[in-house]
Amino acid sequence: MTLSKQGCQSGQCGVYARHLCVLWCYRTPIFVDAIVGPKGDAYRPQEAPGRVEAERFHAYQIEALAETDVDQLIAMTLPAFGEAFALATLMAQTAKPYMLSFVIRKNGRLLDGTPLRQVIEEIDATVAQPPTGYGVNCVHPRVFAAGLQTQRIIGTSLAERIFGLCANTSAREPEELDGLDDLDTEDPESFAASMWETYASASSKYLGGCCGTSTAHIEAIARRWSSQNRD
């Protein structure tokens, strides 16, 4: 969703989300994230702007979101390093904690070809206020696990910087998914099993759903979590 100028100024979305937290957080702590997406198609890195253009494009929205009562800013489904770096630079200038989440391939590279390891290391070393952590979204858990293994991230200190996964239910390549007329999905129980395996191997701090997931998929993840923790 792209916020209009009026919507940004009123902060109505943030107010509404905070109201829901007040109603429900007596049971479980709830955090409100303000989500920013890429400028172009998340599956087409060639559409991503360079750093200068990305800063110019995203600046207004990030400044407006930072003035709302959200807990954290998060940029998601990022296919290219240049735009991700620009977003980190902008978010670091606010008083809000923030995260970045990427689309990766089985080789552990962003869709523009930049290795995930390089992205994290360079942003952490260069940006004045590094992100709270990083995530991956809109890829299947098997793709996520393969990417971390290929980049030799699992079991290293770098793995501690990757907080979690909001997964796609399809393991197809982005180019394949982009051209489909029908939704390619996986049954909830199989999906939840893959998510749990990923959590156990990658020490993820959160699990969630992206394209293809439904209430049934999220419920299956929750059941698997509850069952494993009881055991």
C-alpha atoms as a PDB file:
ATOM      1  CA  MET A   1       0.000   0.000   0.000  1.00  0.00           C
ATOM      2  CA  THR A   2       1.314   3.450  -0.884  1.00  0.00           C
ATOM      3  CA  LEU A   3       0.255   6.046   1.642  1.00  0.00           C
ATOM      4  CA  SER A   4      -1.326   9.210   0.327  1.00  0.00           C
ATOM      5  CA  LYS A   5      -0.144  12.538   1.685  1.00  0.00           C
ATOM      6  CA  GLN A   6      -3.364  12.925   3.654  1.00  0.00           C
ATOM      7  CA  GLY A   7      -3.092   9.392   5.025  1.00  0.00           C
ATOM      8  CA  CYS A   8       0.506   9.942   6.097  1.00  0.00           C
ATOM      9  CA  GLN A   9      -0.336  13.168   7.889  1.00  0.00           C
ATOM     10  CA  SER A  10      -3.303  11.776   9.748  1.00  0.00           C
ATOM     11  CA  GLY A  11      -1.537   8.583  10.808  1.00  0.00           C
ATOM     12  CA  GLN A  12      -4.919   6.873  10.905  1.00  0.00           C
ATOM     13  CA  CYS A  13      -3.533   3.432  10.123  1.00  0.00           C
ATOM     14  CA  GLY A  14      -1.071   3.637  13.004  1.00  0.00           C
ATOM     15  CA  VAL A  15      -3.739   4.864  15.399  1.00  0.00           C
ATOM     16  CA  TYR A  16      -6.064   2.013  14.435  1.00  0.00           C
ATOM     17  CA  ALA A  17      -3.324  -0.610  14.798  1.00  0.00           C
ATOM     18  CA  ARG A  18      -2.348   0.761  18.194  1.00  0.00           C
ATOM     19  CA  HIS A  19      -5.996   0.607  19.281  1.00  0.00           C
ATOM     20  CA  LEU A  20      -6.081  -3.100  18.398  1.00  0.00           C
ATOM     21  CA  CYS A  21      -2.959  -3.659  20.485  1.00  0.00           C
ATOM     22  CA  VAL A  22      -4.584  -2.035  23.497  1.00  0.00           C
ATOM     23  CA  LEU A  23      -7.542  -4.388  23.105  1.00  0.00           C
ATOM     24  CA  TRP A  24      -5.501  -7.584  22.792  1.00  0.00           C
ATOM     25  CA  CYS A  25      -2.032  -7.153  24.292  1.00  0.00           C
ATOM     26  CA  TYR A  26      -3.215  -8.147  27.758  1.00  0.00           C
ATOM     27  CA  ARG A  27      -2.942 -11.716  26.430  1.00  0.00           C
ATOM     28  CA  THR A  28       0.215 -11.561  24.327  1.00  0.00           C
ATOM     29  CA  PRO A  29       2.624  -8.700  23.585  1.00  0.00           C
ATOM     30  CA  ILE A  30       1.814  -7.244  20.173  1.00  0.00           C
ATOM     31  CA  PHE A  31       4.148  -5.116  18.075  1.00  0.00           C
ATOM     32  CA  VAL A  32       3.058  -2.835  15.256  1.00  0.00           C
ATOM     33  CA  ASP A  33       5.331  -2.601  12.209  1.00  0.00           C
ATOM     34  CA  ALA A  34       5.007  -0.016   9.458  1.00  0.00           C
ATOM     35  CA  ILE A  35       5.844  -1.845   6.237  1.00  0.00           C
ATOM     36  CA  VAL A  36       7.490  -0.283   3.192  1.00  0.00           C
ATOM     37  CA  GLY A  37       7.804  -2.171  -0.087  1.00  0.00           C
ATOM     38  CA  PRO A  38      10.152  -1.717  -3.045  1.00  0.00           C
ATOM     39  CA  LYS A  39       9.453   0.907  -5.675  1.00  0.00           C
ATOM     40  CA  GLY A  40       9.087  -1.598  -8.505  1.00  0.00           C
ATOM     41  CA  ASP A  41       8.014  -5.220  -8.847  1.00  0.00           C
ATOM     42  CA  ALA A  42       9.572  -7.279  -6.057  1.00  0.00           C
ATOM     43  CA  TYR A  43      10.256 -10.114  -8.517  1.00  0.00           C
ATOM     44  CA  ARG A  44      11.934  -7.850 -11.092  1.00  0.00           C
ATOM     45  CA  PRO A  45      15.212  -6.432  -9.757  1.00  0.00           C
ATOM     46  CA  GLN A  46      15.802  -4.601 -13.029  1.00  0.00           C
ATOM     47  CA  GLU A  47      12.997  -2.240 -11.990  1.00  0.00           C
ATOM     48  CA  ALA A  48      14.706  -1.337  -8.700  1.00  0.00           C
ATOM     49  CA  PRO A  49      16.009   2.239  -8.448  1.00  0.00           C
ATOM     50  CA  GLY A  50      19.604   3.089  -7.637  1.00  0.00           C
ATOM     51  CA  ARG A  51      20.541   4.465  -4.218  1.00  0.00           C
ATOM     52  CA  VAL A  52      20.026   8.145  -5.020  1.00  0.00           C
ATOM     53  CA  GLU A  53      16.686   7.640  -6.746  1.00  0.00           C
ATOM     54  CA  ALA A  54      15.547   5.232  -4.012  1.00  0.00           C
ATOM     55  CA  GLU A  55      16.321   7.725  -1.256  1.00  0.00           C
ATOM     56  CA  ARG A  56      14.406  10.417  -3.096  1.00  0.00           C
ATOM     57  CA  PHE A  57      11.436   8.115  -3.718  1.00  0.00           C
ATOM     58  CA  HIS A  58      11.134   6.586  -0.231  1.00  0.00           C
ATOM     59  CA  ALA A  59      12.087   9.595   1.946  1.00  0.00           C
ATOM     60  CA  TYR A  60       8.623  11.114   2.344  1.00  0.00           C
ATOM     61  CA  GLN A  61       6.893   7.872   3.278  1.00  0.00           C
ATOM     62  CA  ILE A  62       9.540   6.846   5.802  1.00  0.00           C
ATOM     63  CA  GLU A  63       9.554  10.268   7.449  1.00  0.00           C
ATOM     64  CA  ALA A  64       5.757  10.167   7.701  1.00  0.00           C
ATOM     65  CA  LEU A  65       5.660   6.631   9.109  1.00  0.00           C
ATOM     66  CA  ALA A  66       8.357   7.473  11.651  1.00  0.00           C
ATOM     67  CA  GLU A  67       6.059  10.132  13.101  1.00  0.00           C
ATOM     68  CA  THR A  68       3.323   7.592  13.851  1.00  0.00           C
ATOM     69  CA  ASP A  69       2.947   5.424  16.942  1.00  0.00           C
ATOM     70  CA  VAL A  70       4.337   2.240  15.394  1.00  0.00           C
ATOM     71  CA  ASP A  71       6.963   0.157  17.166  1.00  0.00           C
ATOM     72  CA  GLN A  72       9.198  -0.491  14.188  1.00  0.00           C
ATOM     73  CA  LEU A  73       9.758   0.224  10.505  1.00  0.00           C
ATOM     74  CA  ILE A  74      10.351  -2.680   8.146  1.00  0.00           C
ATOM     75  CA  ALA A  75      11.156  -2.749   4.439  1.00  0.00           C
ATOM     76  CA  MET A  76      10.060  -6.041   2.882  1.00  0.00           C
ATOM     77  CA  THR A  77      10.330  -8.053  -0.327  1.00  0.00           C
ATOM     78  CA  LEU A  78      13.468  -6.233  -1.438  1.00  0.00           C
ATOM     79  CA  PRO A  79      15.055  -7.657  -4.613  1.00  0.00           C
ATOM     80  CA  ALA A  80      18.070  -5.362  -4.988  1.00  0.00           C
ATOM     81  CA  PHE A  81      20.950  -4.229  -2.811  1.00  0.00           C
ATOM     82  CA  GLY A  82      21.030  -0.574  -3.897  1.00  0.00           C
ATOM     83  CA  GLU A  83      17.437   0.097  -2.882  1.00  0.00           C
ATOM     84  CA  ALA A  84      17.914  -1.850   0.361  1.00  0.00           C
ATOM     85  CA  PHE A  85      20.943   0.265   1.264  1.00  0.00           C
ATOM     86  CA  ALA A  86      19.018   3.463   0.542  1.00  0.00           C
ATOM     87  CA  LEU A  87      16.137   2.323   2.750  1.00  0.00           C
ATOM     88  CA  ALA A  88      18.539   1.470   5.569  1.00  0.00           C
ATOM     89  CA  THR A  89      20.112   4.920   5.285  1.00  0.00           C
ATOM     90  CA  LEU A  90      16.720   6.633   5.479  1.00  0.00           C
ATOM     91  CA  MET A  91      15.380   4.500   8.319  1.00  0.00           C
ATOM     92  CA  ALA A  92      18.581   4.972  10.303  1.00  0.00           C
ATOM     93  CA  GLN A  93      17.868   8.705  10.356  1.00  0.00           C
ATOM     94  CA  THR A  94      14.623   8.174  12.267  1.00  0.00           C
ATOM     95  CA  ALA A  95      14.248   7.392  15.950  1.00  0.00           C
ATOM     96  CA  LYS A  96      12.560   4.076  15.155  1.00  0.00           C
ATOM     97  CA  PRO A  97      14.148   0.622  15.170  1.00  0.00           C
ATOM     98  CA  TYR A  98      13.923  -0.990  11.758  1.00  0.00           C
ATOM     99  CA  MET A  99      14.447  -4.198   9.791  1.00  0.00           C
ATOM    100  CA  LEU A 100      15.089  -5.152   6.174  1.00  0.00           C
ATOM    101  CA  SER A 101      13.689  -8.276   4.509  1.00  0.00           C
ATOM    102  CA  PHE A 102      14.789  -9.680   1.151  1.00  0.00           C
ATOM    103  CA  VAL A 103      13.729 -12.021  -1.633  1.00  0.00           C
ATOM    104  CA  ILE A 104      16.537 -14.526  -2.243  1.00  0.00           C
ATOM    105  CA  ARG A 105      17.276 -17.518  -4.460  1.00  0.00           C
ATOM    106  CA  LYS A 106      18.481 -20.995  -3.478  1.00  0.00           C
ATOM    107  CA  ASN A 107      22.050 -19.763  -3.941  1.00  0.00           C
ATOM    108  CA  GLY A 108      21.558 -17.225  -1.152  1.00  0.00           C
ATOM    109  CA  ARG A 109      21.684 -14.196  -3.419  1.00  0.00           C
ATOM    110  CA  LEU A 110      19.180 -11.384  -3.802  1.00  0.00           C
ATOM    111  CA  LEU A 111      17.407 -11.338  -7.151  1.00  0.00           C
ATOM    112  CA  ASP A 112      19.911  -8.755  -8.432  1.00  0.00           C
ATOM    113  CA  GLY A 113      22.720 -11.254  -7.770  1.00  0.00           C
ATOM    114  CA  THR A 114      24.172  -9.714  -4.594  1.00  0.00           C
ATOM    115  CA  PRO A 115      25.065 -12.345  -1.952  1.00  0.00           C
ATOM    116  CA  LEU A 116      22.947 -12.049   1.196  1.00  0.00           C
ATOM    117  CA  ARG A 117      26.103 -12.271   3.287  1.00  0.00           C
ATOM    118  CA  GLN A 118      27.584  -9.237   1.517  1.00  0.00           C
ATOM    119  CA  VAL A 119      24.372  -7.230   1.911  1.00  0.00           C
ATOM    120  CA  ILE A 120      24.237  -7.750   5.670  1.00  0.00           C
ATOM    121  CA  GLU A 121      27.933  -7.198   6.256  1.00  0.00           C
ATOM    122  CA  GLU A 122      28.080  -3.986   4.213  1.00  0.00           C
ATOM    123  CA  ILE A 123      24.955  -2.418   5.704  1.00  0.00           C
ATOM    124  CA  ASP A 124      26.019  -3.330   9.241  1.00  0.00           C
ATOM    125  CA  ALA A 125      29.468  -1.832   8.666  1.00  0.00           C
ATOM    126  CA  THR A 126      28.384   1.312   6.818  1.00  0.00           C
ATOM    127  CA  VAL A 127      25.021   2.579   8.061  1.00  0.00           C
ATOM    128  CA  ALA A 128      25.217   4.731  11.197  1.00  0.00           C
ATOM    129  CA  GLN A 129      22.378   2.902  12.927  1.00  0.00           C
ATOM    130  CA  PRO A 130      22.270  -0.674  11.572  1.00  0.00           C
ATOM    131  CA  PRO A 131      18.976  -2.560  11.442  1.00  0.00           C
ATOM    132  CA  THR A 132      17.714  -4.430  14.483  1.00  0.00           C
ATOM    133  CA  GLY A 133      17.915  -7.470  12.249  1.00  0.00           C
ATOM    134  CA  TYR A 134      17.210  -8.861   8.813  1.00  0.00           C
ATOM    135  CA  GLY A 135      14.619 -11.198   7.368  1.00  0.00           C
ATOM    136  CA  VAL A 136      13.683 -13.074   4.221  1.00  0.00           C
ATOM    137  CA  ASN A 137      10.193 -13.141   2.777  1.00  0.00           C
ATOM    138  CA  CYS A 138       8.183 -14.376  -0.201  1.00  0.00           C
ATOM    139  CA  VAL A 139      10.312 -17.513  -0.678  1.00  0.00           C
ATOM    140  CA  HIS A 140       9.594 -21.107   0.348  1.00  0.00           C
ATOM    141  CA  PRO A 141      11.270 -22.321   3.570  1.00  0.00           C
ATOM    142  CA  ARG A 142      13.359 -24.820   1.577  1.00  0.00           C
ATOM    143  CA  VAL A 143      14.662 -21.979  -0.581  1.00  0.00           C
ATOM    144  CA  PHE A 144      15.474 -19.982   2.556  1.00  0.00           C
ATOM    145  CA  ALA A 145      17.346 -22.898   4.148  1.00  0.00           C
ATOM    146  CA  ALA A 146      19.263 -23.665   0.949  1.00  0.00           C
ATOM    147  CA  GLY A 147      20.267 -20.026   0.601  1.00  0.00           C
ATOM    148  CA  LEU A 148      21.661 -19.822   4.127  1.00  0.00           C
ATOM    149  CA  GLN A 149      23.559 -23.077   3.657  1.00  0.00           C
ATOM    150  CA  THR A 150      25.033 -22.006   0.322  1.00  0.00           C
ATOM    151  CA  GLN A 151      26.208 -18.712   1.805  1.00  0.00           C
ATOM    152  CA  ARG A 152      27.595 -20.610   4.823  1.00  0.00           C
ATOM    153  CA  ILE A 153      25.582 -18.494   7.220  1.00  0.00           C
ATOM    154  CA  ILE A 154      24.027 -21.199   9.424  1.00  0.00           C
ATOM    155  CA  GLY A 155      26.012 -21.668  12.627  1.00  0.00           C
ATOM    156  CA  THR A 156      27.903 -18.379  12.290  1.00  0.00           C
ATOM    157  CA  SER A 157      27.512 -15.051  14.051  1.00  0.00           C
ATOM    158  CA  LEU A 158      25.895 -13.728  10.883  1.00  0.00           C
ATOM    159  CA  ALA A 159      22.973 -16.110  11.446  1.00  0.00           C
ATOM    160  CA  GLU A 160      22.130 -14.140  14.586  1.00  0.00           C
ATOM    161  CA  ARG A 161      21.437 -11.116  12.385  1.00  0.00           C
ATOM    162  CA  ILE A 162      18.756 -12.974  10.407  1.00  0.00           C
ATOM    163  CA  PHE A 163      15.654 -12.881  12.555  1.00  0.00           C
ATOM    164  CA  GLY A 164      13.183 -14.891  10.536  1.00  0.00           C
ATOM    165  CA  LEU A 165      11.112 -15.821   7.545  1.00  0.00           C
ATOM    166  CA  CYS A 166       7.704 -14.879   6.150  1.00  0.00           C
ATOM    167  CA  ALA A 167       7.401 -17.658   3.601  1.00  0.00           C
ATOM    168  CA  ASN A 168       5.767 -18.228   0.252  1.00  0.00           C
ATOM    169  CA  THR A 169       3.983 -21.580  -0.086  1.00  0.00           C
ATOM    170  CA  SER A 170       5.585 -22.226  -3.483  1.00  0.00           C
ATOM    171  CA  ALA A 171       9.200 -23.272  -4.041  1.00  0.00           C
ATOM    172  CA  ARG A 172       9.197 -22.068  -7.657  1.00  0.00           C
ATOM    173  CA  GLU A 173      11.579 -19.429  -8.934  1.00  0.00           C
ATOM    174  CA  PRO A 174      10.240 -15.836  -8.851  1.00  0.00           C
ATOM    175  CA  GLU A 175      10.211 -15.687 -12.648  1.00  0.00           C
ATOM    176  CA  GLU A 176       7.928 -18.734 -12.752  1.00  0.00           C
ATOM    177  CA  LEU A 177       5.589 -17.366 -10.103  1.00  0.00           C
ATOM    178  CA  ASP A 178       5.408 -13.993 -11.806  1.00  0.00           C
ATOM    179  CA  GLY A 179       3.878 -15.542 -14.909  1.00  0.00           C
ATOM    180  CA  LEU A 180       1.310 -17.849 -13.296  1.00  0.00           C
ATOM    181  CA  ASP A 181      -2.400 -17.358 -13.803  1.00  0.00           C
ATOM    182  CA  ASP A 182      -3.312 -19.513 -10.786  1.00  0.00           C
ATOM    183  CA  LEU A 183      -1.965 -19.596  -7.240  1.00  0.00           C
ATOM    184  CA  ASP A 184       0.706 -22.250  -6.664  1.00  0.00           C
ATOM    185  CA  THR A 185       0.424 -23.344  -3.045  1.00  0.00           C
ATOM    186  CA  GLU A 186       1.310 -26.188  -0.678  1.00  0.00           C
ATOM    187  CA  ASP A 187      -0.944 -27.949   1.788  1.00  0.00           C
ATOM    188  CA  PRO A 188      -0.796 -26.363   5.273  1.00  0.00           C
ATOM    189  CA  GLU A 189       0.676 -29.343   7.146  1.00  0.00           C
ATOM    190  CA  SER A 190       3.544 -29.888   4.697  1.00  0.00           C
ATOM    191  CA  PHE A 191       4.244 -26.176   4.704  1.00  0.00           C
ATOM    192  CA  ALA A 192       4.268 -26.062   8.518  1.00  0.00           C
ATOM    193  CA  ALA A 193       6.669 -29.012   8.656  1.00  0.00           C
ATOM    194  CA  SER A 194       9.096 -27.212   6.334  1.00  0.00           C
ATOM    195  CA  MET A 195       8.759 -24.043   8.379  1.00  0.00           C
ATOM    196  CA  TRP A 196       9.554 -25.885  11.592  1.00  0.00           C
ATOM    197  CA  GLU A 197      12.627 -27.535  10.063  1.00  0.00           C
ATOM    198  CA  THR A 198      13.817 -24.109   8.965  1.00  0.00           C
ATOM    199  CA  TYR A 199      13.223 -22.661  12.412  1.00  0.00           C
ATOM    200  CA  ALA A 200      15.152 -25.482  14.082  1.00  0.00           C
ATOM    201  CA  SER A 201      18.155 -25.231  11.744  1.00  0.00           C
ATOM    202  CA  ALA A 202      18.373 -21.465  11.347  1.00  0.00           C
ATOM    203  CA  SER A 203      17.409 -20.387  14.896  1.00  0.00           C
ATOM    204  CA  SER A 204      14.796 -17.992  13.518  1.00  0.00           C
ATOM    205  CA  LYS A 205      13.106 -15.629  15.950  1.00  0.00           C
ATOM    206  CA  TYR A 206       9.861 -15.390  13.996  1.00  0.00           C
ATOM    207  CA  LEU A 207       7.921 -17.331  11.369  1.00  0.00           C
ATOM    208  CA  GLY A 208       5.129 -15.971   9.212  1.00  0.00           C
ATOM    209  CA  GLY A 209       3.320 -16.232   5.917  1.00  0.00           C
ATOM    210  CA  CYS A 210       3.554 -14.365   2.639  1.00  0.00           C
ATOM    211  CA  CYS A 211       2.098 -15.177  -0.797  1.00  0.00           C
ATOM    212  CA  GLY A 212      -0.019 -18.310  -0.945  1.00  0.00           C
ATOM    213  CA  THR A 213      -0.572 -18.589   2.789  1.00  0.00           C
ATOM    214  CA  SER A 214      -3.987 -18.561   4.389  1.00  0.00           C
ATOM    215  CA  THR A 215      -5.358 -18.791   7.904  1.00  0.00           C
ATOM    216  CA  ALA A 216      -4.990 -22.572   7.599  1.00  0.00           C
ATOM    217  CA  HIS A 217      -1.248 -22.278   6.949  1.00  0.00           C
ATOM    218  CA  ILE A 218      -0.661 -19.966   9.903  1.00  0.00           C
ATOM    219  CA  GLU A 219      -2.741 -22.202  12.165  1.00  0.00           C
ATOM    220  CA  ALA A 220      -0.683 -25.211  11.045  1.00  0.00           C
ATOM    221  CA  ILE A 221       2.544 -23.394  11.951  1.00  0.00           C
ATOM    222  CA  ALA A 222       1.089 -22.518  15.359  1.00  0.00           C
ATOM    223  CA  ARG A 223       0.037 -26.135  15.976  1.00  0.00           C
ATOM    224  CA  ARG A 224       3.488 -27.389  15.024  1.00  0.00           C
ATOM    225  CA  TRP A 225       5.081 -24.810  17.329  1.00  0.00           C
ATOM    226  CA  SER A 226       2.827 -25.762  20.243  1.00  0.00           C
ATOM    227  CA  SER A 227       3.382 -29.484  19.692  1.00  0.00           C
ATOM    228  CA  GLN A 228       7.171 -29.212  19.497  1.00  0.00           C
ATOM    229  CA  ASN A 229       7.384 -26.984  22.547  1.00  0.00           C
ATOM    230  CA  ARG A 230       5.236 -29.383  24.590  1.00  0.00           C
ATOM    231  CA  ASP A 231       7.579 -32.201  23.643  1.00  0.00           C
END
